[in-house]
Protein backbone atom coordinates (compact mmCIF):
# COMPACT_ATOMS: atom_id res chain seq x y z
CA UNK A 1 60.52 120.55 105.63
CA UNK A 2 58.33 122.36 108.43
CA UNK A 3 54.74 123.85 107.50
CA UNK A 4 53.67 126.79 109.17
CA UNK A 5 49.91 128.29 108.78
CA UNK A 6 48.87 131.63 107.26
CA UNK A 7 47.43 134.20 109.54
CA UNK A 8 45.32 136.55 108.16
CA UNK A 9 44.95 140.04 110.43
CA UNK A 10 43.28 143.19 110.62
CA UNK A 11 43.46 145.40 107.38
CA UNK A 12 43.50 142.66 105.10
CA UNK A 13 47.26 141.81 105.42
CA UNK A 14 48.69 138.03 106.00
CA UNK A 15 51.62 136.96 108.19
CA UNK A 16 53.55 134.01 108.74
CA UNK A 17 55.74 133.13 111.89
CA UNK A 18 59.58 132.34 111.44
CA UNK A 19 61.14 129.66 113.09
CA UNK A 20 63.06 130.77 116.15
CA UNK A 21 66.33 128.59 115.33
CA UNK A 22 66.51 130.39 111.62
CA UNK A 23 66.16 133.78 113.31
CA UNK A 24 68.70 132.66 116.45
CA UNK A 25 70.96 131.76 114.00
CA UNK A 26 71.44 134.80 111.88
CA UNK A 27 71.22 136.42 114.84
CA UNK A 28 67.85 138.90 113.74
CA UNK A 29 66.52 141.26 116.56
CA UNK A 30 62.99 142.87 116.24
CA UNK A 31 62.30 145.81 113.91
CA UNK A 32 64.96 144.23 111.45
CA UNK A 33 64.02 144.39 107.69
CA UNK A 34 63.75 141.42 105.61
CA UNK A 35 63.76 141.10 102.07
CA UNK A 36 60.73 139.09 100.25
CA UNK A 37 61.90 137.95 96.34
CA UNK A 38 59.01 136.22 94.40
CA UNK A 39 60.95 133.54 93.02
CA UNK A 40 60.09 132.26 89.22
CA UNK A 41 59.33 128.96 90.57
CA UNK A 42 56.39 130.19 92.76
CA UNK A 43 58.29 130.34 95.95
CA UNK A 44 59.30 133.59 98.15
CA UNK A 45 62.91 133.83 99.08
CA UNK A 46 63.48 135.75 102.44
CA UNK A 47 66.73 137.51 103.23
CA UNK A 48 67.95 139.21 105.93
CA UNK A 49 68.77 143.01 104.58
CA UNK A 50 72.15 142.97 106.61
CA UNK A 51 73.25 139.86 104.86
CA UNK A 52 72.97 141.82 101.85
CA UNK A 53 77.19 142.82 103.04
CA UNK A 54 79.27 140.25 101.43
CA UNK A 55 81.59 138.40 103.99
CA UNK A 56 85.27 138.19 102.23
CA UNK A 57 86.15 135.12 100.66
CA UNK A 58 89.58 134.25 101.72
CA UNK A 59 91.83 131.87 100.70
CA UNK A 60 95.67 131.04 101.84
CA UNK A 61 98.48 128.94 100.09
CA UNK A 62 101.62 127.53 101.33
CA UNK A 63 104.76 128.42 99.26
CA UNK A 64 105.99 125.01 100.28
CA UNK A 65 103.02 123.06 98.66
CA UNK A 66 104.35 124.32 94.90
CA UNK A 67 107.30 123.18 93.73
CA UNK A 68 106.74 124.91 90.66
CA UNK A 69 105.94 128.78 90.69
CA UNK A 70 104.07 128.33 87.67
CA UNK A 71 101.84 125.63 89.62
CA UNK A 72 101.33 128.71 92.08
CA UNK A 73 100.53 131.02 89.72
CA UNK A 74 97.70 129.03 88.14
CA UNK A 75 96.38 128.23 91.06
CA UNK A 76 96.03 131.87 92.72
CA UNK A 77 94.32 132.71 89.32
CA UNK A 78 92.12 130.20 89.44
CA UNK A 79 91.11 131.30 92.95
CA UNK A 80 90.67 135.46 91.58
CA UNK A 81 88.20 133.64 88.72
CA UNK A 82 86.11 131.83 91.30
CA UNK A 83 85.22 134.79 93.29
CA UNK A 84 87.79 134.80 96.20
CA UNK A 85 88.55 138.40 97.33
CA UNK A 86 91.66 137.93 99.17
CA UNK A 87 94.25 135.49 98.41
CA UNK A 88 97.73 135.09 100.62
CA UNK A 89 101.07 133.36 99.99
CA UNK A 90 102.64 132.30 103.13
CA UNK A 91 106.22 130.79 103.32
CA UNK A 92 108.10 128.92 106.04
CA UNK A 93 110.67 131.01 105.12
CA UNK A 94 111.49 134.36 103.55
CA UNK A 95 109.90 134.26 100.22
CA UNK A 96 112.40 134.93 97.45
CA UNK A 97 112.52 138.19 95.95
CA UNK A 98 112.45 137.03 92.46
CA UNK A 99 109.32 134.70 93.39
CA UNK A 100 107.72 137.54 94.69
CA UNK A 101 108.39 139.87 91.93
CA UNK A 102 107.18 137.34 89.23
CA UNK A 103 103.68 136.62 91.36
CA UNK A 104 102.88 140.50 91.85
CA UNK A 105 103.39 140.71 87.81
CA UNK A 106 99.83 138.50 87.95
CA UNK A 107 98.14 141.74 88.53
CA UNK A 108 99.09 142.50 84.96
CA UNK A 109 96.62 139.51 83.99
CA UNK A 110 93.66 139.74 87.10
CA UNK A 111 91.67 142.88 86.61
CA UNK A 112 91.23 144.69 90.42
CA UNK A 113 93.85 142.88 92.26
CA UNK A 114 96.18 144.66 94.30
CA UNK A 115 98.95 143.83 97.14
CA UNK A 116 96.93 143.95 100.45
CA UNK A 117 100.12 142.65 102.73
CA UNK A 118 103.64 142.03 102.65
CA UNK A 119 106.19 140.78 104.89
CA UNK A 120 109.41 138.83 104.27
CA UNK A 121 107.50 135.56 104.49
CA UNK A 122 103.99 136.61 102.81
CA UNK A 123 101.97 138.51 100.57
CA UNK A 124 98.34 139.02 100.30
CA UNK A 125 96.27 140.33 97.09
CA UNK A 126 93.19 141.73 97.45
CA UNK A 127 90.42 141.87 95.05
CA UNK A 128 89.24 145.71 95.21
CA UNK A 129 86.87 145.74 92.49
CA UNK A 130 82.91 145.88 93.29
CA UNK A 131 80.84 143.10 91.35
CA UNK A 132 77.92 145.59 90.83
CA UNK A 133 80.28 147.86 89.07
CA UNK A 134 80.24 145.34 85.69
CA UNK A 135 77.12 144.38 84.28
CA UNK A 136 77.73 140.68 82.90
CA UNK A 137 75.93 141.81 79.31
CA UNK A 138 78.34 144.66 79.06
CA UNK A 139 80.97 142.24 79.75
CA UNK A 140 79.90 140.07 77.38
CA UNK A 141 79.43 142.96 74.42
CA UNK A 142 82.94 144.46 75.41
CA UNK A 143 84.71 140.91 75.04
CA UNK A 144 82.86 140.43 71.78
CA UNK A 145 84.16 144.26 70.36
CA UNK A 146 87.77 142.91 71.40
CA UNK A 147 87.35 139.49 69.48
CA UNK A 148 85.71 140.97 66.56
CA UNK A 149 88.28 144.04 66.07
CA UNK A 150 91.19 140.93 66.74
CA UNK A 151 89.72 138.97 63.76
CA UNK A 152 89.80 142.08 61.82
CA UNK A 153 93.08 143.81 62.21
CA UNK A 154 94.76 140.04 62.12
CA UNK A 155 93.37 139.23 58.77
CA UNK A 156 93.99 143.45 57.67
CA UNK A 157 97.68 142.31 58.54
CA UNK A 158 97.71 139.67 56.11
CA UNK A 159 95.65 141.65 53.20
CA UNK A 160 98.48 144.48 53.99
CA UNK A 161 101.96 142.25 54.60
CA UNK A 162 102.26 144.14 57.51
CA UNK A 163 104.13 142.30 60.71
CA UNK A 164 103.85 144.69 63.17
CA UNK A 165 99.90 144.92 62.81
CA UNK A 166 100.09 141.01 63.77
CA UNK A 167 102.50 141.82 66.70
CA UNK A 168 100.46 144.05 67.94
CA UNK A 169 97.19 141.94 67.80
CA UNK A 170 99.12 139.37 69.64
CA UNK A 171 99.98 141.56 72.30
CA UNK A 172 96.56 143.12 72.49
CA UNK A 173 94.81 139.70 72.73
CA UNK A 174 96.07 139.57 76.44
CA UNK A 175 93.79 142.57 77.37
CA UNK A 176 90.86 140.61 75.90
CA UNK A 177 92.07 137.54 78.23
CA UNK A 178 91.60 139.72 81.12
CA UNK A 179 88.07 140.90 80.25
CA UNK A 180 87.60 136.61 79.90
CA UNK A 181 88.63 136.61 83.37
CA UNK A 182 86.93 139.27 84.92
CA UNK A 183 83.46 137.65 83.30
CA UNK A 184 83.85 134.28 84.45
CA UNK A 185 84.90 135.99 88.03
CA UNK A 186 81.19 137.58 87.99
CA UNK A 187 79.54 134.17 87.05
CA UNK A 188 81.27 132.73 89.81
CA UNK A 189 80.07 135.33 92.32
CA UNK A 190 76.79 135.35 90.59
CA UNK A 191 76.38 131.55 90.99
CA UNK A 192 76.53 131.22 94.74
CA UNK A 193 75.03 135.19 95.98
CA UNK A 194 71.40 135.58 94.82
CA UNK A 195 72.56 139.42 95.43
CA UNK A 196 75.27 139.56 93.46
CA UNK A 197 73.56 137.88 90.71
CA UNK A 198 70.53 140.47 90.80
CA UNK A 199 73.19 143.16 90.69
CA UNK A 200 75.03 141.68 87.38
CA UNK A 201 71.83 141.41 85.78
CA UNK A 202 71.68 137.60 86.35
CA UNK A 203 67.78 136.30 86.77
CA UNK A 204 68.57 132.88 87.94
CA UNK A 205 71.11 129.50 87.83
CA UNK A 206 70.15 128.43 84.44
CA UNK A 207 70.94 132.02 82.54
CA UNK A 208 74.41 131.91 84.90
CA UNK A 209 75.21 128.95 83.09
CA UNK A 210 74.48 130.65 79.64
CA UNK A 211 76.47 133.46 80.56
CA UNK A 212 79.92 130.95 81.38
CA UNK A 213 79.00 129.21 78.29
CA UNK A 214 79.45 131.97 76.17
CA UNK A 215 81.92 133.60 78.32
CA UNK A 216 84.01 130.37 77.37
CA UNK A 217 83.17 130.38 73.63
CA UNK A 218 84.28 134.23 73.26
CA UNK A 219 87.65 133.08 74.64
CA UNK A 220 88.07 130.63 71.91
CA UNK A 221 87.37 133.43 69.37
CA UNK A 222 90.07 135.72 70.76
CA UNK A 223 92.35 132.67 70.79
CA UNK A 224 91.95 132.00 67.34
CA UNK A 225 92.32 135.39 66.19
CA UNK A 226 95.33 135.58 67.96
CA UNK A 227 96.54 132.24 66.12
CA UNK A 228 95.90 134.11 62.79
CA UNK A 229 98.44 136.72 63.71
CA UNK A 230 100.70 134.40 64.80
CA UNK A 231 100.69 132.05 61.75
CA UNK A 232 101.23 134.91 59.66
CA UNK A 233 104.46 136.03 61.81
CA UNK A 234 106.35 132.45 60.37
CA UNK A 235 105.42 134.00 56.69
CA UNK A 236 107.97 136.66 57.24
CA UNK A 237 110.49 136.50 54.32
CA UNK A 238 108.47 134.48 52.38
CA UNK A 239 106.95 135.61 48.79
CA UNK A 240 103.88 137.85 48.57
CA UNK A 241 100.28 136.12 48.48
CA UNK A 242 98.37 135.97 45.60
CA UNK A 243 95.35 138.38 45.22
CA UNK A 244 92.85 135.67 44.69
CA UNK A 245 94.75 133.98 47.93
CA UNK A 246 94.01 137.53 50.01
CA UNK A 247 90.66 137.98 48.16
CA UNK A 248 89.49 134.80 49.31
CA UNK A 249 90.85 135.45 53.20
CA UNK A 250 89.10 138.58 53.22
CA UNK A 251 85.83 137.20 52.00
CA UNK A 252 86.11 134.09 54.25
CA UNK A 253 86.71 136.55 57.14
CA UNK A 254 83.48 139.12 56.42
CA UNK A 255 81.57 135.83 56.35
CA UNK A 256 82.92 135.23 59.96
CA UNK A 257 82.98 138.45 61.42
CA UNK A 258 79.35 138.61 60.46
CA UNK A 259 78.28 135.46 62.47
CA UNK A 260 80.49 136.65 65.14
CA UNK A 261 78.45 139.89 65.50
CA UNK A 262 75.07 138.31 64.73
CA UNK A 263 75.53 135.53 67.19
CA UNK A 264 76.03 137.76 70.31
CA UNK A 265 73.58 140.16 69.28
CA UNK A 266 71.30 137.15 69.10
CA UNK A 267 72.65 136.31 72.56
CA UNK A 268 72.13 139.86 74.37
CA UNK A 269 68.96 140.59 72.29
CA UNK A 270 67.43 137.22 73.16
CA UNK A 271 66.49 136.75 69.06
CA UNK A 272 65.98 133.18 68.21
CA UNK A 273 65.62 134.28 64.46
CA UNK A 274 68.84 135.84 64.46
CA UNK A 275 70.90 133.06 66.52
CA UNK A 276 69.34 130.60 63.45
CA UNK A 277 70.49 132.80 60.64
CA UNK A 278 73.57 132.62 62.49
CA UNK A 279 73.84 128.82 62.26
CA UNK A 280 72.64 128.54 58.82
CA UNK A 281 75.47 130.80 57.38
CA UNK A 282 78.03 128.34 58.72
CA UNK A 283 77.94 126.54 55.37
CA UNK A 284 79.01 129.70 53.45
CA UNK A 285 81.98 129.75 55.77
CA UNK A 286 82.68 126.01 55.59
CA UNK A 287 82.31 126.34 51.69
CA UNK A 288 84.75 129.54 51.45
CA UNK A 289 86.81 128.10 54.05
CA UNK A 290 87.59 124.80 51.66
CA UNK A 291 87.83 127.02 48.40
CA UNK A 292 90.49 128.54 50.22
CA UNK A 293 92.16 125.20 50.88
CA UNK A 294 92.07 124.15 47.62
CA UNK A 295 93.28 127.84 46.05
CA UNK A 296 96.41 127.46 48.62
CA UNK A 297 97.14 123.77 47.76
CA UNK A 298 96.92 124.59 43.78
CA UNK A 299 99.14 127.66 43.93
CA UNK A 300 101.63 127.38 46.67
CA UNK A 301 104.73 125.58 46.35
CA UNK A 302 106.40 126.74 49.35
CA UNK A 303 105.24 123.90 52.33
CA UNK A 304 105.89 126.22 55.04
CA UNK A 305 103.92 128.81 53.50
CA UNK A 306 101.16 126.35 52.67
CA UNK A 307 100.99 124.80 56.09
CA UNK A 308 100.79 128.28 57.68
CA UNK A 309 98.15 129.76 55.42
CA UNK A 310 95.67 126.20 56.02
CA UNK A 311 96.29 126.83 59.80
CA UNK A 312 94.76 130.72 58.74
CA UNK A 313 92.03 128.82 57.50
CA UNK A 314 91.76 126.53 60.12
CA UNK A 315 91.31 128.76 62.65
CA UNK A 316 88.88 130.90 60.85
CA UNK A 317 86.75 128.29 60.16
CA UNK A 318 87.55 127.40 64.36
CA UNK A 319 85.95 131.32 64.74
CA UNK A 320 82.96 130.37 62.47
CA UNK A 321 82.55 127.38 64.57
CA UNK A 322 82.26 128.77 68.07
CA UNK A 323 79.86 131.76 66.64
CA UNK A 324 77.61 129.03 65.56
CA UNK A 325 78.55 127.50 69.58
CA UNK A 326 77.06 131.24 70.98
CA UNK A 327 74.02 131.30 68.79
CA UNK A 328 73.44 128.04 70.53
CA UNK A 329 73.68 129.82 74.08
CA UNK A 330 71.45 132.50 72.47
CA UNK A 331 68.96 129.62 71.95
CA UNK A 332 69.22 127.83 75.54
CA UNK A 333 69.31 131.57 77.05
CA UNK A 334 66.15 132.12 75.08
CA UNK A 335 64.04 129.22 74.51
CA UNK A 336 64.17 128.14 78.53
CA UNK A 337 60.33 126.36 79.77
CA UNK A 338 58.76 128.55 82.29
CA UNK A 339 57.15 126.80 85.39
């Protein structure tokens, strides 16, 4: 740490000289603009305006390091989520056409990714998306909307005995997963660039953590909503469900939907009381789920049918549990001590 004295100049302004090494390292010249940020802890942060332009982060992977193509796909997806702007795959020989074709399909899973370069022995993917175009709160709200509609339609497929709708829910869940990957990418970019953090609406590192937590919890909601639809598809050819079971499934789902909605709103609006109300509602969801299980065991004689319906009840309860986790995320985002 270096200590410098504050100087008072004519006109009432104050000046502080900058370390010569710091200026030379960043190749700054006389007259260049320096941004000054007043941080929450009382410190000042200096940032050369010309550094606002983010340097691209490139990753180079060697195909021969991945005996299984699935492992390579997973690494590409992870590097994308962690903020890489360019991901290149190179080989010591020609990359087989079927491998390239499979790698190109990753564009369907990674928003904003396109093929930047391609040779016989290499292929590069470029993230052409502008981080500033996607505020984190807007992404959270959109992913939440996806999740609620997935749960509504998954349960509706059961109530209406609609297997086509169940299949559509499963397919649509893939789009929700794309939103999740985009959200985590934004969080990662914000975590190592305060410039991007400001652009996407993140105030500090602590808030960055809460956005990562809620994105993870929303992804679990999507998973369990999709799971409800998958369980229902296994019931094709089975006897129709009784009105009592259908009514209990609908009642349980309505409570869980309310918890989802309120938990996310508590996070976005920083509403502590709404978060607490969501947590309290968990006892109602638990009671409904236990009642549903009791009814299933009493009425359903087909073992496969009973197991599938029990899994539906389990998924609804887990959605309620992750809604409580989101309410907890809201509490942690809101109730932070100020220095």
